[in-house]
Amino acid sequence: MVNYTMGAQKLQEELMEVIFESLGLNTNYLHEDIAEGSQVMAVNCYPTCPEPDLTLGLPPHTDYGMMSIILQNHQGLQIMGR
């Protein structure tokens, strides 16, 4: 879990640099503001349901934070972009 957390943090930093650069900002924009703690990790498992018509799932919600990194290795999770 530690290795995964460190990898996710590195990915987040690299993605933020690319996003800031694409917006015409310095790649270190907000670096000091988020360097000391910008990560909240929620680990959820959504197993395949044998009777999906009976599944309620989670209500629509918004994830906390600036960015969500999602590993989707099974079908079922639905994500709505804004």
C-alpha atoms as a PDB file:
ATOM      1  CA  MET A   1       0.000   0.000   0.000  1.00  0.00           C
ATOM      2  CA  VAL A   2       2.899   2.349   0.745  1.00  0.00           C
ATOM      3  CA  ASN A   3       4.352   1.802  -2.740  1.00  0.00           C
ATOM      4  CA  TYR A   4       0.947   2.378  -4.327  1.00  0.00           C
ATOM      5  CA  THR A   5       0.438   5.570  -2.320  1.00  0.00           C
ATOM      6  CA  MET A   6       3.857   6.897  -3.305  1.00  0.00           C
ATOM      7  CA  GLY A   7       3.211   6.031  -6.954  1.00  0.00           C
ATOM      8  CA  ALA A   8      -0.200   7.718  -6.906  1.00  0.00           C
ATOM      9  CA  GLN A   9       1.340  10.847  -5.364  1.00  0.00           C
ATOM     10  CA  LYS A  10       4.046  10.947  -8.058  1.00  0.00           C
ATOM     11  CA  LEU A  11       1.421  10.496 -10.782  1.00  0.00           C
ATOM     12  CA  GLN A  12      -0.683  13.292  -9.274  1.00  0.00           C
ATOM     13  CA  GLU A  13       2.310  15.651  -9.225  1.00  0.00           C
ATOM     14  CA  GLU A  14       3.195  14.871 -12.847  1.00  0.00           C
ATOM     15  CA  LEU A  15      -0.395  15.293 -14.020  1.00  0.00           C
ATOM     16  CA  MET A  16      -0.719  18.610 -12.202  1.00  0.00           C
ATOM     17  CA  GLU A  17       2.448  19.885 -13.911  1.00  0.00           C
ATOM     18  CA  VAL A  18       1.025  18.981 -17.319  1.00  0.00           C
ATOM     19  CA  ILE A  19      -2.329  20.586 -16.496  1.00  0.00           C
ATOM     20  CA  PHE A  20      -0.701  23.804 -15.253  1.00  0.00           C
ATOM     21  CA  GLU A  21       1.561  23.942 -18.309  1.00  0.00           C
ATOM     22  CA  SER A  22      -1.444  23.475 -20.624  1.00  0.00           C
ATOM     23  CA  LEU A  23      -3.091  26.443 -18.893  1.00  0.00           C
ATOM     24  CA  GLY A  24      -0.025  28.606 -19.495  1.00  0.00           C
ATOM     25  CA  LEU A  25       0.994  28.531 -15.830  1.00  0.00           C
ATOM     26  CA  ASN A  26       4.361  27.723 -14.304  1.00  0.00           C
ATOM     27  CA  THR A  27       4.603  23.946 -13.794  1.00  0.00           C
ATOM     28  CA  ASN A  28       5.357  24.593 -10.107  1.00  0.00           C
ATOM     29  CA  TYR A  29       2.161  26.622  -9.664  1.00  0.00           C
ATOM     30  CA  LEU A  30       0.595  25.684  -6.290  1.00  0.00           C
ATOM     31  CA  HIS A  31       3.464  23.241  -5.619  1.00  0.00           C
ATOM     32  CA  GLU A  32       4.217  24.685  -2.190  1.00  0.00           C
ATOM     33  CA  ASP A  33       0.523  24.796  -1.305  1.00  0.00           C
ATOM     34  CA  ILE A  34      -0.059  21.107  -2.015  1.00  0.00           C
ATOM     35  CA  ALA A  35       3.374  19.596  -1.317  1.00  0.00           C
ATOM     36  CA  GLU A  36       2.809  18.957   2.379  1.00  0.00           C
ATOM     37  CA  GLY A  37      -0.388  17.018   2.028  1.00  0.00           C
ATOM     38  CA  SER A  38      -2.629  16.804  -0.938  1.00  0.00           C
ATOM     39  CA  GLN A  39      -3.596  13.182  -0.924  1.00  0.00           C
ATOM     40  CA  VAL A  40      -6.645  11.450   0.428  1.00  0.00           C
ATOM     41  CA  MET A  41      -6.882   7.801  -0.477  1.00  0.00           C
ATOM     42  CA  ALA A  42     -10.118   5.887  -0.485  1.00  0.00           C
ATOM     43  CA  VAL A  43      -9.876   2.253  -1.459  1.00  0.00           C
ATOM     44  CA  ASN A  44     -13.190   0.823  -2.587  1.00  0.00           C
ATOM     45  CA  CYS A  45     -13.941  -2.562  -4.052  1.00  0.00           C
ATOM     46  CA  TYR A  46     -16.958  -2.905  -6.293  1.00  0.00           C
ATOM     47  CA  PRO A  47     -17.262  -6.646  -6.977  1.00  0.00           C
ATOM     48  CA  THR A  48     -19.313  -7.900  -9.892  1.00  0.00           C
ATOM     49  CA  CYS A  49     -22.907  -8.354  -8.803  1.00  0.00           C
ATOM     50  CA  PRO A  50     -24.645 -11.549  -9.935  1.00  0.00           C
ATOM     51  CA  GLU A  51     -27.982  -9.656  -9.978  1.00  0.00           C
ATOM     52  CA  PRO A  52     -27.211  -6.076 -11.090  1.00  0.00           C
ATOM     53  CA  ASP A  53     -30.916  -5.160 -11.365  1.00  0.00           C
ATOM     54  CA  LEU A  54     -31.178  -5.586  -7.589  1.00  0.00           C
ATOM     55  CA  THR A  55     -28.103  -3.484  -6.788  1.00  0.00           C
ATOM     56  CA  LEU A  56     -28.576   0.004  -5.376  1.00  0.00           C
ATOM     57  CA  GLY A  57     -24.924   1.065  -5.408  1.00  0.00           C
ATOM     58  CA  LEU A  58     -23.823   4.467  -4.145  1.00  0.00           C
ATOM     59  CA  PRO A  59     -25.814   7.620  -4.779  1.00  0.00           C
ATOM     60  CA  PRO A  60     -24.264  10.203  -7.101  1.00  0.00           C
ATOM     61  CA  HIS A  61     -21.515  12.097  -5.279  1.00  0.00           C
ATOM     62  CA  THR A  62     -18.505  14.328  -5.844  1.00  0.00           C
ATOM     63  CA  ASP A  63     -15.054  13.196  -4.789  1.00  0.00           C
ATOM     64  CA  TYR A  64     -13.105  15.451  -2.470  1.00  0.00           C
ATOM     65  CA  GLY A  65     -10.074  17.226  -3.889  1.00  0.00           C
ATOM     66  CA  MET A  66      -8.612  18.614  -7.040  1.00  0.00           C
ATOM     67  CA  MET A  67      -8.128  15.337  -8.879  1.00  0.00           C
ATOM     68  CA  SER A  68      -9.292  11.736  -8.659  1.00  0.00           C
ATOM     69  CA  ILE A  69      -7.109   8.924  -9.942  1.00  0.00           C
ATOM     70  CA  ILE A  70      -9.203   5.829 -10.531  1.00  0.00           C
ATOM     71  CA  LEU A  71      -7.995   2.321 -11.279  1.00  0.00           C
ATOM     72  CA  GLN A  72     -10.874   0.619 -12.998  1.00  0.00           C
ATOM     73  CA  ASN A  73     -10.020  -2.975 -13.730  1.00  0.00           C
ATOM     74  CA  HIS A  74     -13.616  -4.261 -13.905  1.00  0.00           C
ATOM     75  CA  GLN A  75     -16.698  -2.927 -15.650  1.00  0.00           C
ATOM     76  CA  GLY A  76     -19.387  -1.373 -13.504  1.00  0.00           C
ATOM     77  CA  LEU A  77     -18.135   1.906 -12.038  1.00  0.00           C
ATOM     78  CA  GLN A  78     -19.791   4.812 -13.804  1.00  0.00           C
ATOM     79  CA  ILE A  79     -18.093   8.196 -13.875  1.00  0.00           C
ATOM     80  CA  MET A  80     -19.790  11.361 -15.068  1.00  0.00           C
ATOM     81  CA  GLY A  81     -17.567  14.184 -16.260  1.00  0.00           C
ATOM     82  CA  ARG A  82     -18.635  17.786 -15.943  1.00  0.00           C
END
